[in-house]
Structure formats: C-alpha cells, structure tokens
C-alpha atoms as a PDB file:
ATOM      1  CA  UNK A   1     -20.702  -8.015  43.093  1.00  0.00           C
ATOM      2  CA  UNK A   2     -19.887 -11.701  42.628  1.00  0.00           C
ATOM      3  CA  UNK A   3     -22.354 -11.954  39.730  1.00  0.00           C
ATOM      4  CA  UNK A   4     -20.644  -8.989  38.083  1.00  0.00           C
ATOM      5  CA  UNK A   5     -17.192 -10.558  38.428  1.00  0.00           C
ATOM      6  CA  UNK A   6     -18.468 -13.954  37.244  1.00  0.00           C
ATOM      7  CA  UNK A   7     -20.106 -12.647  34.073  1.00  0.00           C
ATOM      8  CA  UNK A   8     -16.955 -10.688  33.222  1.00  0.00           C
ATOM      9  CA  UNK A   9     -14.608 -13.617  33.739  1.00  0.00           C
ATOM     10  CA  UNK A  10     -11.488 -13.317  31.588  1.00  0.00           C
ATOM     11  CA  UNK A  11     -11.421 -17.120  31.148  1.00  0.00           C
ATOM     12  CA  UNK A  12     -11.929 -18.606  27.705  1.00  0.00           C
ATOM     13  CA  UNK A  13     -14.112 -21.409  29.079  1.00  0.00           C
ATOM     14  CA  UNK A  14     -16.389 -19.266  31.228  1.00  0.00           C
ATOM     15  CA  UNK A  15     -19.507 -21.329  30.394  1.00  0.00           C
ATOM     16  CA  UNK A  16     -20.490 -18.776  27.789  1.00  0.00           C
ATOM     17  CA  UNK A  17     -23.495 -19.048  25.528  1.00  0.00           C
ATOM     18  CA  UNK A  18     -22.831 -17.609  22.086  1.00  0.00           C
ATOM     19  CA  UNK A  19     -25.898 -16.041  20.492  1.00  0.00           C
ATOM     20  CA  UNK A  20     -25.548 -14.346  17.129  1.00  0.00           C
ATOM     21  CA  UNK A  21     -21.839 -13.865  17.805  1.00  0.00           C
ATOM     22  CA  UNK A  22     -22.402 -12.270  21.223  1.00  0.00           C
ATOM     23  CA  UNK A  23     -21.107 -14.053  24.297  1.00  0.00           C
ATOM     24  CA  UNK A  24     -23.683 -14.149  27.064  1.00  0.00           C
ATOM     25  CA  UNK A  25     -23.562 -15.707  30.538  1.00  0.00           C
ATOM     26  CA  UNK A  26     -27.006 -15.914  32.133  1.00  0.00           C
ATOM     27  CA  UNK A  27     -28.478 -17.235  35.364  1.00  0.00           C
ATOM     28  CA  UNK A  28     -25.694 -16.113  37.678  1.00  0.00           C
ATOM     29  CA  UNK A  29     -27.530 -13.659  39.952  1.00  0.00           C
ATOM     30  CA  UNK A  30     -26.932 -15.723  43.098  1.00  0.00           C
ATOM     31  CA  UNK A  31     -23.413 -16.984  42.379  1.00  0.00           C
ATOM     32  CA  UNK A  32     -21.049 -16.574  45.293  1.00  0.00           C
ATOM     33  CA  UNK A  33     -17.306 -16.355  45.768  1.00  0.00           C
ATOM     34  CA  UNK A  34     -15.740 -19.284  47.608  1.00  0.00           C
ATOM     35  CA  UNK A  35     -12.177 -17.970  47.607  1.00  0.00           C
ATOM     36  CA  UNK A  36      -9.721 -15.597  45.989  1.00  0.00           C
ATOM     37  CA  UNK A  37      -6.147 -16.724  45.436  1.00  0.00           C
ATOM     38  CA  UNK A  38      -3.266 -14.392  44.549  1.00  0.00           C
ATOM     39  CA  UNK A  39      -1.439 -15.172  41.322  1.00  0.00           C
ATOM     40  CA  UNK A  40       2.020 -13.691  41.840  1.00  0.00           C
ATOM     41  CA  UNK A  41       2.007  -9.929  41.458  1.00  0.00           C
ATOM     42  CA  UNK A  42      -0.200 -10.256  38.390  1.00  0.00           C
ATOM     43  CA  UNK A  43      -3.670 -10.551  39.864  1.00  0.00           C
ATOM     44  CA  UNK A  44      -6.096 -12.918  41.516  1.00  0.00           C
ATOM     45  CA  UNK A  45      -7.899 -16.160  40.684  1.00  0.00           C
ATOM     46  CA  UNK A  46     -11.470 -16.137  41.966  1.00  0.00           C
ATOM     47  CA  UNK A  47     -13.213 -19.425  42.730  1.00  0.00           C
ATOM     48  CA  UNK A  48     -16.990 -19.159  42.393  1.00  0.00           C
ATOM     49  CA  UNK A  49     -19.534 -21.499  43.937  1.00  0.00           C
ATOM     50  CA  UNK A  50     -20.617 -22.666  40.474  1.00  0.00           C
ATOM     51  CA  UNK A  51     -17.069 -24.141  40.396  1.00  0.00           C
ATOM     52  CA  UNK A  52     -15.766 -21.722  37.768  1.00  0.00           C
ATOM     53  CA  UNK A  53     -12.132 -21.002  38.672  1.00  0.00           C
ATOM     54  CA  UNK A  54     -10.044 -20.698  35.520  1.00  0.00           C
ATOM     55  CA  UNK A  55      -9.987 -16.936  34.985  1.00  0.00           C
ATOM     56  CA  UNK A  56      -7.156 -14.822  36.314  1.00  0.00           C
ATOM     57  CA  UNK A  57      -8.266 -11.270  36.978  1.00  0.00           C
ATOM     58  CA  UNK A  58      -5.320  -8.924  36.502  1.00  0.00           C
ATOM     59  CA  UNK A  59      -5.172  -5.845  38.689  1.00  0.00           C
ATOM     60  CA  UNK A  60      -5.633  -3.671  35.579  1.00  0.00           C
ATOM     61  CA  UNK A  61      -8.712  -5.659  34.550  1.00  0.00           C
ATOM     62  CA  UNK A  62     -10.217  -5.359  38.042  1.00  0.00           C
ATOM     63  CA  UNK A  63      -9.604  -1.609  37.929  1.00  0.00           C
ATOM     64  CA  UNK A  64     -11.335  -1.462  34.521  1.00  0.00           C
ATOM     65  CA  UNK A  65     -14.322  -3.414  35.871  1.00  0.00           C
ATOM     66  CA  UNK A  66     -14.595  -1.166  38.920  1.00  0.00           C
ATOM     67  CA  UNK A  67     -14.295   2.020  36.882  1.00  0.00           C
ATOM     68  CA  UNK A  68     -16.966   0.901  34.412  1.00  0.00           C
ATOM     69  CA  UNK A  69     -19.259  -1.170  36.618  1.00  0.00           C
ATOM     70  CA  UNK A  70     -22.495   0.685  35.912  1.00  0.00           C
ATOM     71  CA  UNK A  71     -22.168   0.844  32.131  1.00  0.00           C
ATOM     72  CA  UNK A  72     -20.949  -2.765  31.909  1.00  0.00           C
ATOM     73  CA  UNK A  73     -23.837  -4.016  34.055  1.00  0.00           C
ATOM     74  CA  UNK A  74     -26.360  -1.950  32.103  1.00  0.00           C
ATOM     75  CA  UNK A  75     -25.070  -3.420  28.830  1.00  0.00           C
ATOM     76  CA  UNK A  76     -25.194  -6.927  30.306  1.00  0.00           C
ATOM     77  CA  UNK A  77     -28.841  -6.521  31.325  1.00  0.00           C
ATOM     78  CA  UNK A  78     -29.719  -5.080  27.897  1.00  0.00           C
ATOM     79  CA  UNK A  79     -28.079  -8.077  26.209  1.00  0.00           C
ATOM     80  CA  UNK A  80     -29.963 -10.525  28.429  1.00  0.00           C
ATOM     81  CA  UNK A  81     -33.247  -8.782  27.633  1.00  0.00           C
ATOM     82  CA  UNK A  82     -32.445  -8.756  23.928  1.00  0.00           C
ATOM     83  CA  UNK A  83     -32.213 -12.562  23.907  1.00  0.00           C
ATOM     84  CA  UNK A  84     -34.924 -13.287  26.465  1.00  0.00           C
ATOM     85  CA  UNK A  85     -32.445 -14.499  29.085  1.00  0.00           C
ATOM     86  CA  UNK A  86     -32.556 -13.899  32.831  1.00  0.00           C
ATOM     87  CA  UNK A  87     -30.077 -13.074  35.584  1.00  0.00           C
ATOM     88  CA  UNK A  88     -31.778 -15.653  37.792  1.00  0.00           C
ATOM     89  CA  UNK A  89     -30.928 -19.329  37.318  1.00  0.00           C
ATOM     90  CA  UNK A  90     -33.615 -21.507  35.717  1.00  0.00           C
ATOM     91  CA  UNK A  91     -36.093 -22.961  38.192  1.00  0.00           C
ATOM     92  CA  UNK A  92     -35.936 -26.664  38.746  1.00  0.00           C
ATOM     93  CA  UNK A  93     -39.144 -28.591  38.256  1.00  0.00           C
END
C-alpha cells in the first residue's frame, strides 16, 4: 500500500521521471511509511522512508485512490513495462 501511495503522490516534486511526456516513478516497491501527520481538516501529509514528505493527500484524493486502486495500479505497471522500468529499486553493485 505504501508503494501505491508514494507513486501517486500529489506533490509537484515527487522525484518523477518524465518520459515522452508521461510522469513515471519507478523503484518504489519496498518504500515504507514513517509517519502520517494531519493537515487541518484538509487531509494528511505522509512521510515515506525515502524521505519524500511534501505531498498533502486530501481526504477526497485518498478516497479516489482507494476507489480506483486496481485500475490505477494496473496502469502504473503497464507504464513501467512500456518504458522498461521496474517496481524494484536498482541493485547496488
């Protein structure tokens, strides 16, 4: 679940790779959630263990993600495959 939330971060600076106009975040299969902080009544800021913490997930956006999880994840995997990217982080030599 944390990978799913991380790749759908609403933040502008979400460490996104742009390929042919498509925004793709790869290598986040094992990312974890360090904390979740409420942001007023608006939503929640999630702090991931890759130190990404700038996106604020509104309650409406979280509902959208939950309601569409399977199709969004399927599209994400198709996009990764299209560009030869992986969900797993690159192996260190």
